[in-house]
Amino acid sequence: MGVKMFAWVGGLALFLGVAFFVKYSFDNNLISAELRVAIGFVVGLGLLVGGVVISRKNYLVLSHTLCATGVVILYAVTFACRSIYHFEFSDRSPHSC
């Protein structure tokens, strides 16, 4: 129970760190909105890939924590794209007229 708890607390801390970095950069206009979103997607995908790679080395709790944190970050960044930055997602396919 203790190892799992510390793993989940670490994942939560990592998520909060990314969230506060995005908020800090947004408040101070340090980097553009597009770059913030790109960094968020790269971090989220990196955590997912890291979790899958680590799962092959029998670190099951750490693997699940990294994957869960990556999914939460990807969800938060996607949510920010629509609600904060008002990025438009096209619902048309590239081949439609």
N, C-alpha and C. Protein backbone atom coordinates (compact mmCIF):
# COMPACT_ATOMS: atom_id res chain seq x y z
N MET A 1 0.82 -1.19 0.00
CA MET A 1 0.00 0.00 0.00
C MET A 1 0.86 1.25 0.00
N GLY A 2 1.96 1.24 0.71
CA GLY A 2 2.80 2.42 0.80
C GLY A 2 3.45 2.80 -0.51
N VAL A 3 3.92 1.82 -1.27
CA VAL A 3 4.57 2.10 -2.55
C VAL A 3 3.57 2.66 -3.55
N LYS A 4 2.39 2.08 -3.59
CA LYS A 4 1.36 2.56 -4.51
C LYS A 4 0.95 3.99 -4.18
N MET A 5 0.82 4.27 -2.88
CA MET A 5 0.43 5.61 -2.48
C MET A 5 1.47 6.63 -2.90
N PHE A 6 2.74 6.33 -2.68
CA PHE A 6 3.79 7.26 -3.07
C PHE A 6 3.86 7.40 -4.59
N ALA A 7 3.58 6.35 -5.32
CA ALA A 7 3.57 6.43 -6.78
C ALA A 7 2.45 7.35 -7.25
N TRP A 8 1.26 7.20 -6.68
CA TRP A 8 0.15 8.06 -7.08
C TRP A 8 0.37 9.51 -6.65
N VAL A 9 0.96 9.70 -5.48
CA VAL A 9 1.27 11.07 -5.04
C VAL A 9 2.30 11.69 -5.97
N GLY A 10 3.28 10.91 -6.42
CA GLY A 10 4.28 11.40 -7.37
C GLY A 10 3.65 11.76 -8.70
N GLY A 11 2.73 10.93 -9.18
CA GLY A 11 2.03 11.23 -10.43
C GLY A 11 1.19 12.49 -10.31
N LEU A 12 0.52 12.65 -9.18
CA LEU A 12 -0.27 13.86 -8.95
C LEU A 12 0.63 15.09 -8.88
N ALA A 13 1.78 14.95 -8.23
CA ALA A 13 2.72 16.08 -8.15
C ALA A 13 3.24 16.45 -9.53
N LEU A 14 3.52 15.46 -10.36
CA LEU A 14 3.99 15.73 -11.71
C LEU A 14 2.91 16.44 -12.52
N PHE A 15 1.67 15.97 -12.41
CA PHE A 15 0.56 16.62 -13.11
C PHE A 15 0.40 18.07 -12.64
N LEU A 16 0.42 18.28 -11.34
CA LEU A 16 0.26 19.64 -10.81
C LEU A 16 1.41 20.54 -11.25
N GLY A 17 2.62 20.00 -11.31
CA GLY A 17 3.76 20.78 -11.79
C GLY A 17 3.57 21.24 -13.22
N VAL A 18 3.11 20.34 -14.07
CA VAL A 18 2.86 20.71 -15.47
C VAL A 18 1.72 21.73 -15.55
N ALA A 19 0.66 21.51 -14.77
CA ALA A 19 -0.46 22.44 -14.79
C ALA A 19 -0.06 23.83 -14.33
N PHE A 20 0.73 23.91 -13.26
CA PHE A 20 1.17 25.21 -12.77
C PHE A 20 2.16 25.87 -13.72
N PHE A 21 2.98 25.07 -14.42
CA PHE A 21 3.88 25.64 -15.42
C PHE A 21 3.09 26.27 -16.55
N VAL A 22 2.05 25.58 -16.99
CA VAL A 22 1.22 26.13 -18.06
C VAL A 22 0.54 27.41 -17.59
N LYS A 23 0.02 27.39 -16.38
CA LYS A 23 -0.64 28.58 -15.86
C LYS A 23 0.35 29.74 -15.69
N TYR A 24 1.53 29.45 -15.16
CA TYR A 24 2.54 30.49 -14.98
C TYR A 24 2.96 31.09 -16.32
N SER A 25 3.18 30.24 -17.30
CA SER A 25 3.58 30.75 -18.61
C SER A 25 2.44 31.51 -19.28
N PHE A 26 1.22 31.12 -19.01
CA PHE A 26 0.06 31.83 -19.55
C PHE A 26 -0.07 33.21 -18.90
N ASP A 27 0.08 33.26 -17.59
CA ASP A 27 -0.04 34.54 -16.87
C ASP A 27 1.05 35.52 -17.25
N ASN A 28 2.25 35.05 -17.52
CA ASN A 28 3.39 35.92 -17.79
C ASN A 28 3.76 36.02 -19.26
N ASN A 29 2.99 35.39 -20.14
CA ASN A 29 3.24 35.42 -21.59
C ASN A 29 4.68 35.06 -21.94
N LEU A 30 5.19 34.02 -21.30
CA LEU A 30 6.57 33.60 -21.56
C LEU A 30 6.72 32.89 -22.90
N ILE A 31 5.76 32.07 -23.25
CA ILE A 31 5.80 31.36 -24.52
C ILE A 31 4.41 31.44 -25.16
N SER A 32 4.35 31.26 -26.46
CA SER A 32 3.08 31.39 -27.18
C SER A 32 2.14 30.25 -26.82
N ALA A 33 0.86 30.45 -27.09
CA ALA A 33 -0.15 29.44 -26.78
C ALA A 33 0.11 28.15 -27.56
N GLU A 34 0.49 28.27 -28.81
CA GLU A 34 0.75 27.09 -29.62
C GLU A 34 1.90 26.26 -29.06
N LEU A 35 2.96 26.95 -28.61
CA LEU A 35 4.10 26.24 -28.05
C LEU A 35 3.76 25.61 -26.72
N ARG A 36 2.95 26.27 -25.90
CA ARG A 36 2.51 25.69 -24.63
C ARG A 36 1.74 24.40 -24.87
N VAL A 37 0.84 24.43 -25.84
CA VAL A 37 0.05 23.25 -26.14
C VAL A 37 0.95 22.13 -26.67
N ALA A 38 1.88 22.48 -27.55
CA ALA A 38 2.79 21.47 -28.09
C ALA A 38 3.63 20.84 -26.99
N ILE A 39 4.13 21.64 -26.06
CA ILE A 39 4.91 21.11 -24.95
C ILE A 39 4.05 20.18 -24.10
N GLY A 40 2.80 20.58 -23.86
CA GLY A 40 1.90 19.73 -23.08
C GLY A 40 1.65 18.39 -23.74
N PHE A 41 1.42 18.41 -25.07
CA PHE A 41 1.21 17.15 -25.78
C PHE A 41 2.47 16.28 -25.78
N VAL A 42 3.63 16.89 -25.93
CA VAL A 42 4.88 16.12 -25.92
C VAL A 42 5.11 15.49 -24.55
N VAL A 43 4.86 16.24 -23.48
CA VAL A 43 5.03 15.70 -22.13
C VAL A 43 4.05 14.56 -21.89
N GLY A 44 2.79 14.75 -22.27
CA GLY A 44 1.80 13.69 -22.08
C GLY A 44 2.13 12.43 -22.85
N LEU A 45 2.50 12.59 -24.12
CA LEU A 45 2.88 11.43 -24.92
C LEU A 45 4.16 10.78 -24.39
N GLY A 46 5.10 11.60 -23.93
CA GLY A 46 6.33 11.06 -23.35
C GLY A 46 6.05 10.21 -22.11
N LEU A 47 5.12 10.65 -21.28
CA LEU A 47 4.76 9.86 -20.10
C LEU A 47 4.08 8.56 -20.49
N LEU A 48 3.23 8.61 -21.51
CA LEU A 48 2.59 7.37 -21.97
C LEU A 48 3.62 6.38 -22.51
N VAL A 49 4.51 6.87 -23.34
CA VAL A 49 5.55 5.99 -23.90
C VAL A 49 6.45 5.46 -22.79
N GLY A 50 6.83 6.34 -21.86
CA GLY A 50 7.65 5.90 -20.74
C GLY A 50 6.97 4.84 -19.90
N GLY A 51 5.67 4.99 -19.69
CA GLY A 51 4.93 3.99 -18.93
C GLY A 51 4.88 2.65 -19.63
N VAL A 52 4.72 2.67 -20.95
CA VAL A 52 4.69 1.41 -21.71
C VAL A 52 6.06 0.74 -21.68
N VAL A 53 7.12 1.53 -21.84
CA VAL A 53 8.48 0.96 -21.84
C VAL A 53 8.81 0.38 -20.47
N ILE A 54 8.44 1.09 -19.42
CA ILE A 54 8.75 0.61 -18.07
C ILE A 54 7.92 -0.62 -17.71
N SER A 55 6.72 -0.74 -18.29
CA SER A 55 5.89 -1.91 -17.97
C SER A 55 6.54 -3.20 -18.43
N ARG A 56 7.39 -3.12 -19.41
CA ARG A 56 8.10 -4.32 -19.89
C ARG A 56 9.21 -4.74 -18.95
N LYS A 57 9.56 -3.89 -17.99
CA LYS A 57 10.63 -4.19 -17.04
C LYS A 57 10.07 -4.51 -15.65
N ASN A 58 8.79 -4.85 -15.59
CA ASN A 58 8.13 -5.30 -14.37
C ASN A 58 8.04 -4.26 -13.27
N TYR A 59 7.91 -2.99 -13.62
CA TYR A 59 7.62 -1.94 -12.66
C TYR A 59 6.17 -1.54 -12.87
N LEU A 60 5.26 -2.40 -12.47
CA LEU A 60 3.85 -2.26 -12.81
C LEU A 60 3.22 -0.99 -12.21
N VAL A 61 3.49 -0.70 -10.95
CA VAL A 61 2.87 0.46 -10.31
C VAL A 61 3.37 1.75 -10.95
N LEU A 62 4.67 1.84 -11.16
CA LEU A 62 5.23 3.02 -11.79
C LEU A 62 4.71 3.18 -13.22
N SER A 63 4.59 2.08 -13.92
CA SER A 63 4.07 2.12 -15.29
C SER A 63 2.64 2.65 -15.33
N HIS A 64 1.79 2.15 -14.45
CA HIS A 64 0.40 2.62 -14.42
C HIS A 64 0.33 4.09 -14.03
N THR A 65 1.19 4.50 -13.11
CA THR A 65 1.19 5.90 -12.68
C THR A 65 1.60 6.81 -13.82
N LEU A 66 2.64 6.46 -14.55
CA LEU A 66 3.09 7.28 -15.67
C LEU A 66 2.03 7.34 -16.77
N CYS A 67 1.43 6.21 -17.08
CA CYS A 67 0.39 6.20 -18.12
C CYS A 67 -0.82 7.02 -17.70
N ALA A 68 -1.25 6.88 -16.46
CA ALA A 68 -2.41 7.65 -15.98
C ALA A 68 -2.12 9.14 -15.98
N THR A 69 -0.94 9.52 -15.56
CA THR A 69 -0.57 10.94 -15.55
C THR A 69 -0.49 11.48 -16.97
N GLY A 70 0.03 10.69 -17.90
CA GLY A 70 0.08 11.10 -19.30
C GLY A 70 -1.30 11.32 -19.88
N VAL A 71 -2.23 10.43 -19.57
CA VAL A 71 -3.60 10.57 -20.07
C VAL A 71 -4.25 11.82 -19.49
N VAL A 72 -4.06 12.07 -18.20
CA VAL A 72 -4.64 13.25 -17.56
C VAL A 72 -4.06 14.52 -18.18
N ILE A 73 -2.76 14.54 -18.44
CA ILE A 73 -2.14 15.72 -19.05
C ILE A 73 -2.66 15.92 -20.47
N LEU A 74 -2.78 14.86 -21.24
CA LEU A 74 -3.33 14.99 -22.60
C LEU A 74 -4.76 15.50 -22.57
N TYR A 75 -5.55 15.03 -21.63
CA TYR A 75 -6.92 15.52 -21.50
C TYR A 75 -6.93 17.00 -21.14
N ALA A 76 -6.10 17.40 -20.17
CA ALA A 76 -6.06 18.79 -19.73
C ALA A 76 -5.60 19.72 -20.85
N VAL A 77 -4.62 19.30 -21.63
CA VAL A 77 -4.12 20.13 -22.73
C VAL A 77 -5.19 20.25 -23.82
N THR A 78 -5.86 19.15 -24.12
CA THR A 78 -6.92 19.19 -25.12
C THR A 78 -8.07 20.09 -24.65
N PHE A 79 -8.41 20.00 -23.37
CA PHE A 79 -9.44 20.87 -22.81
C PHE A 79 -9.02 22.34 -22.91
N ALA A 80 -7.75 22.62 -22.62
CA ALA A 80 -7.24 23.99 -22.69
C ALA A 80 -7.28 24.52 -24.13
N CYS A 81 -7.05 23.65 -25.09
CA CYS A 81 -7.10 24.07 -26.50
C CYS A 81 -8.45 24.68 -26.84
N ARG A 82 -9.51 24.06 -26.38
CA ARG A 82 -10.85 24.55 -26.71
C ARG A 82 -11.32 25.66 -25.78
N SER A 83 -11.16 25.49 -24.48
CA SER A 83 -11.79 26.41 -23.55
C SER A 83 -10.96 27.65 -23.25
N ILE A 84 -9.66 27.54 -23.21
CA ILE A 84 -8.81 28.69 -22.86
C ILE A 84 -8.31 29.38 -24.12
N TYR A 85 -7.74 28.61 -25.05
CA TYR A 85 -7.11 29.20 -26.23
C TYR A 85 -8.07 29.33 -27.41
N HIS A 86 -9.21 28.70 -27.36
CA HIS A 86 -10.23 28.75 -28.41
C HIS A 86 -9.68 28.31 -29.77
N PHE A 87 -8.86 27.25 -29.76
CA PHE A 87 -8.39 26.68 -31.01
C PHE A 87 -9.58 26.01 -31.70
N GLU A 88 -9.66 26.17 -33.00
CA GLU A 88 -10.74 25.56 -33.77
C GLU A 88 -10.28 24.21 -34.30
N PHE A 89 -11.09 23.19 -34.05
CA PHE A 89 -10.84 21.88 -34.61
C PHE A 89 -11.79 21.70 -35.78
N SER A 90 -11.24 21.43 -36.94
CA SER A 90 -12.07 21.26 -38.13
C SER A 90 -12.77 19.91 -38.06
N ASP A 91 -14.07 19.91 -38.38
CA ASP A 91 -14.79 18.66 -38.43
C ASP A 91 -14.92 18.13 -39.85
N ARG A 92 -14.28 18.78 -40.78
CA ARG A 92 -14.30 18.33 -42.17
C ARG A 92 -13.03 17.54 -42.46
N SER A 93 -13.18 16.53 -43.30
CA SER A 93 -12.01 15.78 -43.71
C SER A 93 -11.23 16.59 -44.74
N PRO A 94 -9.95 16.35 -44.91
CA PRO A 94 -9.16 17.14 -45.85
C PRO A 94 -9.57 16.96 -47.31
N HIS A 95 -10.33 15.92 -47.61
CA HIS A 95 -10.70 15.67 -48.99
C HIS A 95 -12.11 16.16 -49.33
N SER A 96 -12.80 16.77 -48.37
CA SER A 96 -14.15 17.27 -48.68
C SER A 96 -14.07 18.64 -49.33
N CYS A 97 -15.06 18.96 -50.09
CA CYS A 97 -15.08 20.22 -50.84
C CYS A 97 -15.78 21.31 -50.10
